N, C-alpha and C. Protein backbone atom coordinates (compact mmCIF):
# COMPACT_ATOMS: atom_id res chain seq x y z
N ARG A 1 20.57 -0.16 11.75
CA ARG A 1 19.87 -1.23 11.03
C ARG A 1 18.95 -0.63 9.97
N SER A 2 18.67 -1.41 8.93
CA SER A 2 17.85 -0.90 7.84
C SER A 2 16.36 -1.02 8.12
N VAL A 3 15.97 -1.89 9.06
CA VAL A 3 14.56 -2.03 9.41
C VAL A 3 14.21 -0.99 10.46
N VAL A 4 13.30 -0.09 10.11
CA VAL A 4 12.96 1.00 11.02
C VAL A 4 11.69 0.71 11.80
N GLN A 5 10.95 -0.32 11.40
CA GLN A 5 9.70 -0.62 12.09
C GLN A 5 9.28 -2.05 11.76
N SER A 6 8.74 -2.77 12.74
CA SER A 6 8.18 -4.09 12.48
C SER A 6 7.13 -4.38 13.53
N GLY A 7 6.18 -5.22 13.17
CA GLY A 7 5.14 -5.55 14.14
C GLY A 7 3.95 -6.23 13.49
N ARG A 8 2.96 -6.50 14.31
CA ARG A 8 1.74 -7.18 13.86
C ARG A 8 0.91 -6.26 12.98
N THR A 9 0.08 -6.86 12.15
CA THR A 9 -0.90 -6.12 11.36
C THR A 9 -2.29 -6.53 11.81
N GLN A 10 -3.31 -5.94 11.19
CA GLN A 10 -4.68 -6.27 11.54
C GLN A 10 -5.10 -7.64 11.02
N VAL A 11 -4.35 -8.17 10.06
CA VAL A 11 -4.67 -9.49 9.51
C VAL A 11 -3.97 -10.55 10.34
N PRO A 12 -4.70 -11.56 10.82
CA PRO A 12 -4.08 -12.61 11.63
C PRO A 12 -2.91 -13.28 10.93
N LYS A 13 -1.84 -13.48 11.67
CA LYS A 13 -0.64 -14.16 11.20
C LYS A 13 0.13 -13.39 10.13
N HIS A 14 -0.18 -12.13 9.92
CA HIS A 14 0.56 -11.28 8.97
C HIS A 14 1.37 -10.24 9.77
N TYR A 15 2.65 -10.12 9.45
CA TYR A 15 3.53 -9.22 10.17
C TYR A 15 4.28 -8.34 9.16
N ARG A 16 4.47 -7.09 9.54
CA ARG A 16 4.98 -6.10 8.60
C ARG A 16 6.34 -5.57 9.03
N PHE A 17 7.22 -5.39 8.05
CA PHE A 17 8.52 -4.77 8.25
C PHE A 17 8.61 -3.54 7.35
N VAL A 18 9.20 -2.47 7.85
CA VAL A 18 9.42 -1.26 7.06
C VAL A 18 10.92 -0.99 7.04
N ALA A 19 11.47 -0.88 5.83
CA ALA A 19 12.90 -0.63 5.67
C ALA A 19 13.16 0.84 5.39
N ASP A 20 14.42 1.24 5.49
CA ASP A 20 14.78 2.63 5.19
C ASP A 20 15.23 2.78 3.74
N ALA A 21 14.88 1.82 2.90
CA ALA A 21 15.19 1.87 1.46
C ALA A 21 14.11 1.12 0.70
N LEU A 22 14.02 1.38 -0.59
CA LEU A 22 13.05 0.67 -1.41
C LEU A 22 13.43 -0.80 -1.52
N LEU A 23 12.44 -1.66 -1.37
CA LEU A 23 12.63 -3.09 -1.54
C LEU A 23 12.11 -3.56 -2.89
N ALA A 24 11.33 -2.72 -3.55
CA ALA A 24 10.79 -3.02 -4.88
C ALA A 24 10.59 -1.71 -5.62
N PRO A 25 10.68 -1.72 -6.94
CA PRO A 25 10.51 -0.48 -7.71
C PRO A 25 9.12 0.11 -7.53
N LEU A 26 9.05 1.43 -7.61
CA LEU A 26 7.76 2.11 -7.57
C LEU A 26 7.08 2.01 -8.93
N GLY A 27 5.76 2.20 -8.93
CA GLY A 27 5.01 2.21 -10.17
C GLY A 27 5.24 3.48 -10.95
N PRO A 28 4.69 3.56 -12.17
CA PRO A 28 4.88 4.75 -13.01
C PRO A 28 4.39 6.04 -12.37
N ASP A 29 3.40 5.92 -11.48
CA ASP A 29 2.86 7.11 -10.82
C ASP A 29 3.60 7.45 -9.54
N GLY A 30 4.66 6.69 -9.23
CA GLY A 30 5.45 6.97 -8.03
C GLY A 30 4.94 6.32 -6.77
N SER A 31 3.87 5.54 -6.85
CA SER A 31 3.34 4.87 -5.67
C SER A 31 3.78 3.41 -5.67
N PRO A 32 3.80 2.76 -4.49
CA PRO A 32 4.24 1.37 -4.42
C PRO A 32 3.34 0.44 -5.22
N ARG A 33 3.93 -0.59 -5.80
CA ARG A 33 3.19 -1.67 -6.44
C ARG A 33 3.52 -2.94 -5.67
N PHE A 34 2.51 -3.56 -5.10
CA PHE A 34 2.73 -4.68 -4.20
C PHE A 34 2.71 -6.01 -4.96
N LEU A 35 3.72 -6.84 -4.72
CA LEU A 35 3.87 -8.14 -5.36
C LEU A 35 3.81 -9.22 -4.30
N GLU A 36 3.09 -10.29 -4.60
CA GLU A 36 2.92 -11.40 -3.66
C GLU A 36 3.74 -12.59 -4.12
N PHE A 37 4.44 -13.22 -3.18
CA PHE A 37 5.31 -14.35 -3.52
C PHE A 37 5.04 -15.53 -2.60
N ARG A 38 4.96 -16.72 -3.20
CA ARG A 38 4.99 -17.97 -2.44
C ARG A 38 6.26 -18.75 -2.77
N GLU A 39 6.98 -18.24 -3.76
CA GLU A 39 8.31 -18.72 -4.10
C GLU A 39 9.00 -17.60 -4.86
N GLY A 40 10.30 -17.68 -5.01
CA GLY A 40 11.01 -16.61 -5.71
C GLY A 40 12.30 -17.12 -6.29
N PRO A 41 12.91 -16.37 -7.22
CA PRO A 41 14.19 -16.78 -7.82
C PRO A 41 15.26 -16.95 -6.74
N GLU A 42 16.12 -17.93 -6.93
CA GLU A 42 17.17 -18.21 -5.95
C GLU A 42 18.02 -16.97 -5.72
N GLY A 43 18.24 -16.66 -4.45
CA GLY A 43 19.06 -15.50 -4.09
C GLY A 43 18.29 -14.20 -4.00
N SER A 44 17.02 -14.22 -4.38
CA SER A 44 16.21 -13.00 -4.30
C SER A 44 15.71 -12.78 -2.88
N LEU A 45 15.27 -11.57 -2.59
CA LEU A 45 14.75 -11.26 -1.26
C LEU A 45 13.55 -12.14 -0.91
N PRO A 46 12.56 -12.30 -1.81
CA PRO A 46 11.42 -13.17 -1.46
C PRO A 46 11.86 -14.60 -1.15
N ALA A 47 12.79 -15.14 -1.96
CA ALA A 47 13.24 -16.51 -1.75
C ALA A 47 13.93 -16.66 -0.40
N ASP A 48 14.77 -15.68 -0.04
CA ASP A 48 15.48 -15.74 1.24
C ASP A 48 14.51 -15.71 2.41
N VAL A 49 13.50 -14.84 2.33
CA VAL A 49 12.54 -14.74 3.43
C VAL A 49 11.68 -15.99 3.50
N LEU A 50 11.30 -16.55 2.35
CA LEU A 50 10.46 -17.75 2.33
C LEU A 50 11.20 -18.98 2.86
N CYS A 51 12.53 -18.91 2.93
CA CYS A 51 13.30 -20.01 3.51
C CYS A 51 13.24 -20.02 5.04
N VAL A 52 12.78 -18.93 5.62
CA VAL A 52 12.67 -18.86 7.08
C VAL A 52 11.55 -19.81 7.53
N PRO A 53 11.80 -20.67 8.51
CA PRO A 53 10.76 -21.58 8.97
C PRO A 53 9.47 -20.86 9.33
N HIS A 54 8.36 -21.43 8.91
CA HIS A 54 7.00 -20.96 9.22
C HIS A 54 6.53 -19.80 8.35
N VAL A 55 7.39 -19.24 7.48
CA VAL A 55 6.93 -18.19 6.57
C VAL A 55 6.28 -18.84 5.35
N LYS A 56 5.01 -18.50 5.10
CA LYS A 56 4.25 -19.12 4.02
C LYS A 56 4.07 -18.21 2.80
N LYS A 57 4.14 -16.91 3.02
CA LYS A 57 3.90 -15.97 1.92
C LYS A 57 4.62 -14.66 2.23
N VAL A 58 5.05 -13.97 1.17
CA VAL A 58 5.73 -12.68 1.31
C VAL A 58 5.06 -11.68 0.37
N ILE A 59 4.79 -10.48 0.87
CA ILE A 59 4.26 -9.38 0.06
C ILE A 59 5.26 -8.23 0.15
N ILE A 60 5.70 -7.73 -1.01
CA ILE A 60 6.69 -6.66 -1.04
C ILE A 60 6.16 -5.50 -1.87
N GLY A 61 6.31 -4.28 -1.35
CA GLY A 61 5.91 -3.09 -2.09
C GLY A 61 6.54 -1.86 -1.48
N GLY A 62 7.23 -1.07 -2.29
CA GLY A 62 7.88 0.13 -1.76
C GLY A 62 8.91 -0.24 -0.72
N ASP A 63 8.78 0.33 0.47
CA ASP A 63 9.70 0.00 1.57
C ASP A 63 9.07 -0.99 2.54
N ASN A 64 7.98 -1.62 2.14
CA ASN A 64 7.25 -2.56 2.99
C ASN A 64 7.52 -4.01 2.62
N LEU A 65 7.59 -4.86 3.63
CA LEU A 65 7.60 -6.30 3.43
C LEU A 65 6.66 -6.90 4.47
N VAL A 66 5.70 -7.69 4.01
CA VAL A 66 4.74 -8.35 4.90
C VAL A 66 4.92 -9.85 4.76
N VAL A 67 5.00 -10.55 5.89
CA VAL A 67 5.11 -12.01 5.86
C VAL A 67 3.86 -12.62 6.48
N LYS A 68 3.44 -13.74 5.89
CA LYS A 68 2.36 -14.52 6.48
C LYS A 68 2.97 -15.76 7.09
N LEU A 69 2.66 -16.02 8.36
CA LEU A 69 3.22 -17.16 9.07
C LEU A 69 2.18 -18.27 9.22
N ASP A 70 2.66 -19.50 9.39
CA ASP A 70 1.72 -20.59 9.60
C ASP A 70 1.25 -20.61 11.06
N ASP A 71 0.36 -21.53 11.36
CA ASP A 71 -0.28 -21.55 12.68
C ASP A 71 0.67 -21.97 13.79
N ASP A 72 1.78 -22.60 13.44
CA ASP A 72 2.71 -23.09 14.46
C ASP A 72 3.86 -22.13 14.74
N SER A 73 3.78 -20.95 14.17
CA SER A 73 4.90 -20.01 14.25
C SER A 73 4.89 -19.21 15.54
N HIS A 74 6.05 -18.65 15.85
CA HIS A 74 6.19 -17.76 17.00
C HIS A 74 6.88 -16.49 16.50
N TRP A 75 6.15 -15.37 16.55
CA TRP A 75 6.65 -14.10 16.00
C TRP A 75 8.01 -13.73 16.57
N GLY A 76 8.21 -13.95 17.84
CA GLY A 76 9.45 -13.56 18.47
C GLY A 76 10.67 -14.27 17.91
N LYS A 77 10.48 -15.46 17.34
CA LYS A 77 11.59 -16.19 16.74
C LYS A 77 11.81 -15.81 15.27
N VAL A 78 10.72 -15.51 14.58
CA VAL A 78 10.81 -15.18 13.15
C VAL A 78 11.31 -13.76 12.94
N GLN A 79 10.87 -12.83 13.77
CA GLN A 79 11.16 -11.40 13.57
C GLN A 79 12.65 -11.10 13.44
N PRO A 80 13.52 -11.58 14.34
CA PRO A 80 14.94 -11.22 14.21
C PRO A 80 15.59 -11.84 12.97
N ILE A 81 15.11 -13.00 12.53
CA ILE A 81 15.69 -13.64 11.34
C ILE A 81 15.37 -12.82 10.10
N VAL A 82 14.10 -12.42 9.96
CA VAL A 82 13.70 -11.63 8.79
C VAL A 82 14.39 -10.26 8.82
N THR A 83 14.54 -9.69 10.01
CA THR A 83 15.23 -8.41 10.14
C THR A 83 16.67 -8.51 9.63
N ASP A 84 17.37 -9.59 10.00
CA ASP A 84 18.75 -9.79 9.53
C ASP A 84 18.80 -9.95 8.01
N ILE A 85 17.83 -10.67 7.45
CA ILE A 85 17.79 -10.85 5.99
C ILE A 85 17.62 -9.50 5.30
N LEU A 86 16.71 -8.68 5.82
CA LEU A 86 16.49 -7.35 5.24
C LEU A 86 17.73 -6.48 5.36
N ASP A 87 18.39 -6.53 6.51
CA ASP A 87 19.61 -5.75 6.69
C ASP A 87 20.67 -6.14 5.65
N CYS A 88 20.84 -7.45 5.45
CA CYS A 88 21.83 -7.92 4.48
C CYS A 88 21.44 -7.53 3.06
N TYR A 89 20.15 -7.62 2.76
CA TYR A 89 19.68 -7.28 1.41
C TYR A 89 19.96 -5.82 1.09
N VAL A 90 19.61 -4.94 2.02
CA VAL A 90 19.82 -3.51 1.79
C VAL A 90 21.32 -3.20 1.69
N ALA A 91 22.13 -3.88 2.52
CA ALA A 91 23.57 -3.61 2.52
C ALA A 91 24.24 -4.02 1.21
N ARG A 92 23.76 -5.10 0.58
CA ARG A 92 24.43 -5.59 -0.63
C ARG A 92 23.80 -5.07 -1.92
N ASN A 93 22.74 -4.30 -1.80
CA ASN A 93 22.10 -3.72 -2.98
C ASN A 93 22.21 -2.21 -2.94
N ASP A 94 22.30 -1.61 -4.11
CA ASP A 94 22.37 -0.16 -4.18
C ASP A 94 21.06 0.44 -3.69
N VAL A 95 21.16 1.39 -2.77
CA VAL A 95 19.98 2.10 -2.30
C VAL A 95 19.64 3.18 -3.30
N PRO A 96 18.39 3.29 -3.75
CA PRO A 96 18.04 4.32 -4.73
C PRO A 96 18.38 5.70 -4.22
N PRO A 97 18.70 6.64 -5.13
CA PRO A 97 18.96 8.01 -4.71
C PRO A 97 17.82 8.57 -3.89
N GLU A 98 18.14 9.54 -3.06
CA GLU A 98 17.17 10.09 -2.10
C GLU A 98 15.89 10.55 -2.79
N ASP A 99 16.01 11.16 -3.98
CA ASP A 99 14.81 11.71 -4.61
C ASP A 99 13.95 10.65 -5.27
N THR A 100 14.42 9.39 -5.35
CA THR A 100 13.59 8.33 -5.93
C THR A 100 13.16 7.32 -4.89
N ARG A 101 13.52 7.55 -3.64
CA ARG A 101 13.15 6.62 -2.59
C ARG A 101 11.78 6.95 -2.04
N ALA A 102 11.09 5.91 -1.62
CA ALA A 102 9.82 6.13 -0.92
C ALA A 102 10.14 6.53 0.51
N PRO A 103 9.39 7.47 1.10
CA PRO A 103 9.62 7.81 2.49
C PRO A 103 9.27 6.63 3.37
N PRO A 104 9.99 6.42 4.49
CA PRO A 104 9.63 5.33 5.38
C PRO A 104 8.16 5.42 5.75
N SER A 105 7.48 4.26 5.75
CA SER A 105 6.03 4.28 5.91
C SER A 105 5.59 4.73 7.30
N ASN A 106 6.49 4.70 8.28
CA ASN A 106 6.07 5.17 9.60
C ASN A 106 6.01 6.69 9.65
N VAL A 107 6.48 7.36 8.58
CA VAL A 107 6.37 8.81 8.54
C VAL A 107 5.66 9.25 7.26
N THR A 108 4.82 8.37 6.72
CA THR A 108 4.04 8.73 5.54
C THR A 108 3.20 9.97 5.83
N GLU A 109 3.16 10.87 4.87
CA GLU A 109 2.40 12.09 5.05
C GLU A 109 0.95 11.78 5.36
N ALA A 110 0.39 12.44 6.35
CA ALA A 110 -1.00 12.21 6.72
C ALA A 110 -1.92 12.68 5.61
N ALA A 111 -3.13 12.12 5.60
CA ALA A 111 -4.11 12.53 4.61
C ALA A 111 -4.38 14.02 4.74
N ALA A 112 -4.58 14.67 3.61
CA ALA A 112 -4.85 16.10 3.61
C ALA A 112 -6.20 16.39 4.27
N THR A 113 -6.35 17.59 4.77
CA THR A 113 -7.62 17.98 5.37
C THR A 113 -8.69 18.08 4.30
N VAL A 114 -9.94 17.98 4.73
CA VAL A 114 -11.07 18.07 3.80
C VAL A 114 -11.04 19.39 3.06
N GLU A 115 -10.67 20.46 3.76
CA GLU A 115 -10.65 21.79 3.14
C GLU A 115 -9.65 21.85 1.98
N LEU A 116 -8.47 21.25 2.18
CA LEU A 116 -7.47 21.26 1.11
C LEU A 116 -7.93 20.44 -0.09
N ILE A 117 -8.55 19.30 0.19
CA ILE A 117 -9.06 18.48 -0.91
C ILE A 117 -10.17 19.22 -1.65
N ASP A 118 -11.06 19.87 -0.89
CA ASP A 118 -12.15 20.64 -1.51
C ASP A 118 -11.59 21.69 -2.46
N GLU A 119 -10.56 22.40 -2.01
CA GLU A 119 -9.96 23.45 -2.84
C GLU A 119 -9.37 22.87 -4.13
N ARG A 120 -8.66 21.76 -3.99
CA ARG A 120 -8.03 21.15 -5.15
C ARG A 120 -9.08 20.64 -6.14
N VAL A 121 -10.12 20.00 -5.61
CA VAL A 121 -11.18 19.47 -6.48
C VAL A 121 -11.90 20.61 -7.20
N ALA A 122 -12.16 21.70 -6.47
CA ALA A 122 -12.83 22.85 -7.09
C ALA A 122 -12.00 23.41 -8.24
N ALA A 123 -10.68 23.45 -8.05
CA ALA A 123 -9.80 23.95 -9.11
C ALA A 123 -9.82 23.03 -10.33
N LEU A 124 -9.83 21.73 -10.09
CA LEU A 124 -9.86 20.77 -11.19
C LEU A 124 -11.18 20.84 -11.95
N LYS A 125 -12.27 20.96 -11.21
CA LYS A 125 -13.57 21.06 -11.87
C LYS A 125 -13.67 22.36 -12.66
N GLY A 126 -13.10 23.44 -12.09
CA GLY A 126 -13.10 24.72 -12.80
C GLY A 126 -12.32 24.66 -14.09
N ALA A 127 -11.29 23.80 -14.11
CA ALA A 127 -10.49 23.63 -15.32
C ALA A 127 -11.08 22.57 -16.24
N LYS A 128 -12.28 22.09 -15.87
CA LYS A 128 -13.01 21.09 -16.66
C LYS A 128 -12.20 19.80 -16.86
N GLU A 129 -11.53 19.39 -15.79
CA GLU A 129 -10.80 18.13 -15.85
C GLU A 129 -11.78 16.96 -15.83
N HIS A 130 -11.35 15.82 -16.33
CA HIS A 130 -12.17 14.61 -16.36
C HIS A 130 -12.40 14.10 -14.94
N PRO A 131 -13.57 13.50 -14.66
CA PRO A 131 -13.83 12.96 -13.32
C PRO A 131 -12.75 11.99 -12.85
N MET A 132 -12.14 11.24 -13.78
CA MET A 132 -11.08 10.30 -13.41
C MET A 132 -9.91 11.04 -12.77
N THR A 133 -9.57 12.21 -13.30
CA THR A 133 -8.48 13.01 -12.74
C THR A 133 -8.82 13.47 -11.34
N VAL A 134 -10.07 13.88 -11.15
CA VAL A 134 -10.52 14.32 -9.83
C VAL A 134 -10.47 13.17 -8.83
N LEU A 135 -10.94 12.00 -9.24
CA LEU A 135 -10.92 10.85 -8.34
C LEU A 135 -9.50 10.46 -7.96
N GLU A 136 -8.58 10.48 -8.91
CA GLU A 136 -7.19 10.17 -8.61
C GLU A 136 -6.62 11.16 -7.59
N THR A 137 -6.98 12.42 -7.74
CA THR A 137 -6.51 13.44 -6.81
C THR A 137 -7.05 13.20 -5.42
N VAL A 138 -8.33 12.87 -5.33
CA VAL A 138 -8.95 12.60 -4.02
C VAL A 138 -8.31 11.37 -3.38
N LEU A 139 -8.05 10.34 -4.17
CA LEU A 139 -7.38 9.15 -3.64
C LEU A 139 -5.98 9.49 -3.13
N ASP A 140 -5.24 10.28 -3.91
CA ASP A 140 -3.87 10.66 -3.52
C ASP A 140 -3.85 11.46 -2.22
N MET A 141 -4.80 12.38 -2.09
CA MET A 141 -4.78 13.30 -0.95
C MET A 141 -5.51 12.76 0.28
N GLY A 142 -6.57 11.97 0.06
CA GLY A 142 -7.41 11.60 1.19
C GLY A 142 -7.48 10.14 1.54
N VAL A 143 -7.00 9.26 0.64
CA VAL A 143 -7.16 7.82 0.87
C VAL A 143 -5.82 7.09 0.96
N ARG A 144 -4.95 7.29 -0.04
CA ARG A 144 -3.71 6.51 -0.10
C ARG A 144 -2.81 6.67 1.13
N PRO A 145 -2.67 7.88 1.69
CA PRO A 145 -1.79 7.98 2.87
C PRO A 145 -2.17 7.02 3.99
N GLY A 146 -3.47 6.87 4.24
CA GLY A 146 -3.91 5.96 5.29
C GLY A 146 -3.65 4.51 4.95
N LEU A 147 -3.87 4.13 3.69
CA LEU A 147 -3.65 2.75 3.28
C LEU A 147 -2.16 2.40 3.29
N LEU A 148 -1.32 3.34 2.85
CA LEU A 148 0.11 3.09 2.81
C LEU A 148 0.68 2.85 4.20
N GLN A 149 0.13 3.50 5.19
CA GLN A 149 0.61 3.31 6.56
C GLN A 149 0.35 1.89 7.05
N ASP A 150 -0.62 1.20 6.44
CA ASP A 150 -0.92 -0.18 6.81
C ASP A 150 -0.34 -1.17 5.81
N GLY A 151 0.55 -0.70 4.94
CA GLY A 151 1.18 -1.59 3.98
C GLY A 151 0.31 -1.93 2.79
N GLY A 152 -0.64 -1.08 2.47
CA GLY A 152 -1.53 -1.32 1.35
C GLY A 152 -1.56 -0.16 0.38
N ASN A 153 -2.41 -0.27 -0.61
CA ASN A 153 -2.56 0.79 -1.59
C ASN A 153 -3.85 0.54 -2.35
N ILE A 154 -4.21 1.46 -3.22
CA ILE A 154 -5.41 1.32 -4.04
C ILE A 154 -5.13 1.88 -5.42
N SER A 155 -5.63 1.20 -6.44
CA SER A 155 -5.51 1.68 -7.82
C SER A 155 -6.89 1.94 -8.40
N LEU A 156 -7.02 3.05 -9.10
CA LEU A 156 -8.25 3.37 -9.83
C LEU A 156 -8.05 2.90 -11.26
N LEU A 157 -8.76 1.87 -11.66
CA LEU A 157 -8.57 1.26 -12.97
C LEU A 157 -9.44 1.90 -14.04
N ALA A 158 -10.64 2.32 -13.66
CA ALA A 158 -11.56 2.91 -14.65
C ALA A 158 -12.68 3.64 -13.92
N TYR A 159 -13.32 4.56 -14.63
CA TYR A 159 -14.50 5.24 -14.10
C TYR A 159 -15.47 5.50 -15.23
N GLU A 160 -16.71 5.08 -15.04
CA GLU A 160 -17.77 5.33 -16.01
C GLU A 160 -18.85 6.17 -15.33
N GLY A 161 -18.98 7.41 -15.75
CA GLY A 161 -19.97 8.29 -15.15
C GLY A 161 -19.55 9.74 -15.26
N ASP A 162 -20.20 10.57 -14.45
CA ASP A 162 -19.90 12.00 -14.44
C ASP A 162 -19.68 12.45 -13.00
N PHE A 163 -19.86 13.76 -12.73
CA PHE A 163 -19.63 14.26 -11.38
C PHE A 163 -20.84 14.07 -10.46
N GLU A 164 -21.91 13.49 -10.98
CA GLU A 164 -23.09 13.21 -10.16
C GLU A 164 -23.13 11.75 -9.71
N SER A 165 -22.83 10.85 -10.62
CA SER A 165 -22.88 9.43 -10.29
C SER A 165 -22.02 8.65 -11.28
N GLY A 166 -21.67 7.45 -10.90
CA GLY A 166 -20.88 6.60 -11.77
C GLY A 166 -20.32 5.41 -11.02
N VAL A 167 -19.58 4.58 -11.73
CA VAL A 167 -18.99 3.38 -11.14
C VAL A 167 -17.47 3.45 -11.29
N ALA A 168 -16.78 3.35 -10.18
CA ALA A 168 -15.31 3.35 -10.17
C ALA A 168 -14.82 1.93 -9.98
N THR A 169 -14.03 1.46 -10.93
CA THR A 169 -13.41 0.14 -10.80
C THR A 169 -12.07 0.32 -10.09
N ILE A 170 -11.95 -0.31 -8.93
CA ILE A 170 -10.75 -0.11 -8.11
C ILE A 170 -10.15 -1.46 -7.73
N GLN A 171 -8.91 -1.40 -7.32
CA GLN A 171 -8.21 -2.61 -6.89
C GLN A 171 -7.39 -2.30 -5.65
N LEU A 172 -7.68 -3.02 -4.57
CA LEU A 172 -6.85 -2.92 -3.38
C LEU A 172 -5.59 -3.72 -3.60
N GLU A 173 -4.48 -3.23 -3.06
CA GLU A 173 -3.19 -3.87 -3.28
C GLU A 173 -2.47 -4.08 -1.96
N GLY A 174 -1.45 -4.95 -2.02
CA GLY A 174 -0.62 -5.17 -0.85
C GLY A 174 -1.39 -5.78 0.30
N HIS A 175 -1.10 -5.32 1.49
CA HIS A 175 -1.70 -5.86 2.70
C HIS A 175 -3.21 -5.70 2.69
N CYS A 176 -3.72 -4.62 2.10
CA CYS A 176 -5.17 -4.38 2.08
C CYS A 176 -5.91 -5.44 1.28
N LYS A 177 -5.25 -6.03 0.29
CA LYS A 177 -5.92 -6.97 -0.61
C LYS A 177 -6.42 -8.19 0.13
N GLY A 178 -5.64 -8.72 1.06
CA GLY A 178 -6.05 -9.93 1.76
C GLY A 178 -6.61 -9.69 3.14
N CYS A 179 -6.81 -8.44 3.48
CA CYS A 179 -7.29 -8.11 4.82
C CYS A 179 -8.76 -8.51 4.97
N PRO A 180 -9.13 -9.17 6.09
CA PRO A 180 -10.54 -9.53 6.30
C PRO A 180 -11.44 -8.32 6.46
N HIS A 181 -10.83 -7.15 6.69
CA HIS A 181 -11.62 -5.92 6.85
C HIS A 181 -11.65 -5.11 5.56
N SER A 182 -11.27 -5.72 4.42
CA SER A 182 -11.17 -4.95 3.18
C SER A 182 -12.52 -4.37 2.75
N GLN A 183 -13.60 -5.13 2.91
CA GLN A 183 -14.91 -4.61 2.53
C GLN A 183 -15.30 -3.44 3.42
N GLN A 184 -14.97 -3.54 4.69
CA GLN A 184 -15.24 -2.44 5.61
C GLN A 184 -14.41 -1.21 5.23
N THR A 185 -13.17 -1.43 4.83
CA THR A 185 -12.32 -0.32 4.39
C THR A 185 -12.93 0.38 3.18
N LEU A 186 -13.44 -0.41 2.24
CA LEU A 186 -14.04 0.17 1.04
C LEU A 186 -15.30 0.97 1.36
N ASN A 187 -16.18 0.38 2.17
CA ASN A 187 -17.48 1.02 2.42
C ASN A 187 -17.39 2.16 3.42
N ASN A 188 -16.61 1.99 4.47
CA ASN A 188 -16.59 2.97 5.55
C ASN A 188 -15.50 4.02 5.39
N PHE A 189 -14.59 3.81 4.48
CA PHE A 189 -13.49 4.77 4.31
C PHE A 189 -13.44 5.28 2.87
N VAL A 190 -13.08 4.41 1.93
CA VAL A 190 -12.88 4.85 0.55
C VAL A 190 -14.16 5.43 -0.04
N LEU A 191 -15.26 4.70 0.08
CA LEU A 191 -16.51 5.15 -0.52
C LEU A 191 -16.98 6.47 0.08
N GLN A 192 -16.87 6.60 1.39
CA GLN A 192 -17.33 7.84 2.04
C GLN A 192 -16.52 9.04 1.58
N VAL A 193 -15.22 8.86 1.42
CA VAL A 193 -14.38 9.97 0.95
C VAL A 193 -14.78 10.37 -0.46
N LEU A 194 -14.96 9.40 -1.35
CA LEU A 194 -15.27 9.70 -2.75
C LEU A 194 -16.67 10.28 -2.92
N GLN A 195 -17.62 9.84 -2.07
CA GLN A 195 -19.00 10.32 -2.20
C GLN A 195 -19.13 11.80 -1.89
N ARG A 196 -18.19 12.37 -1.21
CA ARG A 196 -18.23 13.81 -0.94
C ARG A 196 -18.12 14.59 -2.25
N TYR A 197 -17.45 14.01 -3.24
CA TYR A 197 -17.19 14.73 -4.49
C TYR A 197 -18.01 14.20 -5.66
N ILE A 198 -18.44 12.94 -5.58
CA ILE A 198 -19.37 12.37 -6.57
C ILE A 198 -20.42 11.61 -5.76
N PRO A 199 -21.53 12.27 -5.41
CA PRO A 199 -22.50 11.71 -4.46
C PRO A 199 -23.03 10.33 -4.84
N GLY A 200 -23.22 10.08 -6.13
CA GLY A 200 -23.81 8.81 -6.54
C GLY A 200 -22.81 7.76 -6.97
N ILE A 201 -21.56 7.90 -6.55
CA ILE A 201 -20.53 6.96 -6.97
C ILE A 201 -20.70 5.62 -6.27
N SER A 202 -20.38 4.54 -6.96
CA SER A 202 -20.32 3.21 -6.36
C SER A 202 -18.99 2.58 -6.76
N LEU A 203 -18.57 1.58 -6.00
CA LEU A 203 -17.28 0.95 -6.23
C LEU A 203 -17.44 -0.45 -6.80
N ASN A 204 -16.60 -0.77 -7.75
CA ASN A 204 -16.54 -2.11 -8.32
C ASN A 204 -15.14 -2.67 -8.07
N PRO A 205 -14.95 -3.36 -6.93
CA PRO A 205 -13.61 -3.88 -6.63
C PRO A 205 -13.30 -5.11 -7.47
N VAL A 206 -12.06 -5.20 -7.94
CA VAL A 206 -11.64 -6.36 -8.73
C VAL A 206 -10.39 -6.97 -8.10
């Protein structure tokens, strides 16, 4: 079967499926871009999943698909139907070549150790790279792996400041965007990681 993992998420009534192939194109930087659907073109994957009783919303990004169910739903009845839809979708669509596929999210590479990130940041600072480049590197190595495992992602849209302080404009994507714990994720995870390298940084989520 093409679905390698499925189950509940931390957000009430949201359930996640992980396929062994890309369900949506990757962004220019090679990371998933999450799209939210409440309707979709006839015959498309979002439209097919939204036809399943009790499915109210679909989020697709990379090899992830997240469904939001209504209050009257029963996961045990919805799960096999969505799994069959995903199996059929992958079977009738060309699977991207191995080198352009996203790795299954249940085996996403773990976040790098602090020591490795420290070394990389030191090299970038030594090369006088822009703070934005350093922040992107820290996000890639220390933040995104954890978010991707939960069906989410983060984009750095802008940074105003230097290596001492500044404001980073960021955007949570996918499952993280609607999570009731998103503020906790920003303050207790993302901000703490970034403050190690820019002590006075603050986040401006959009």
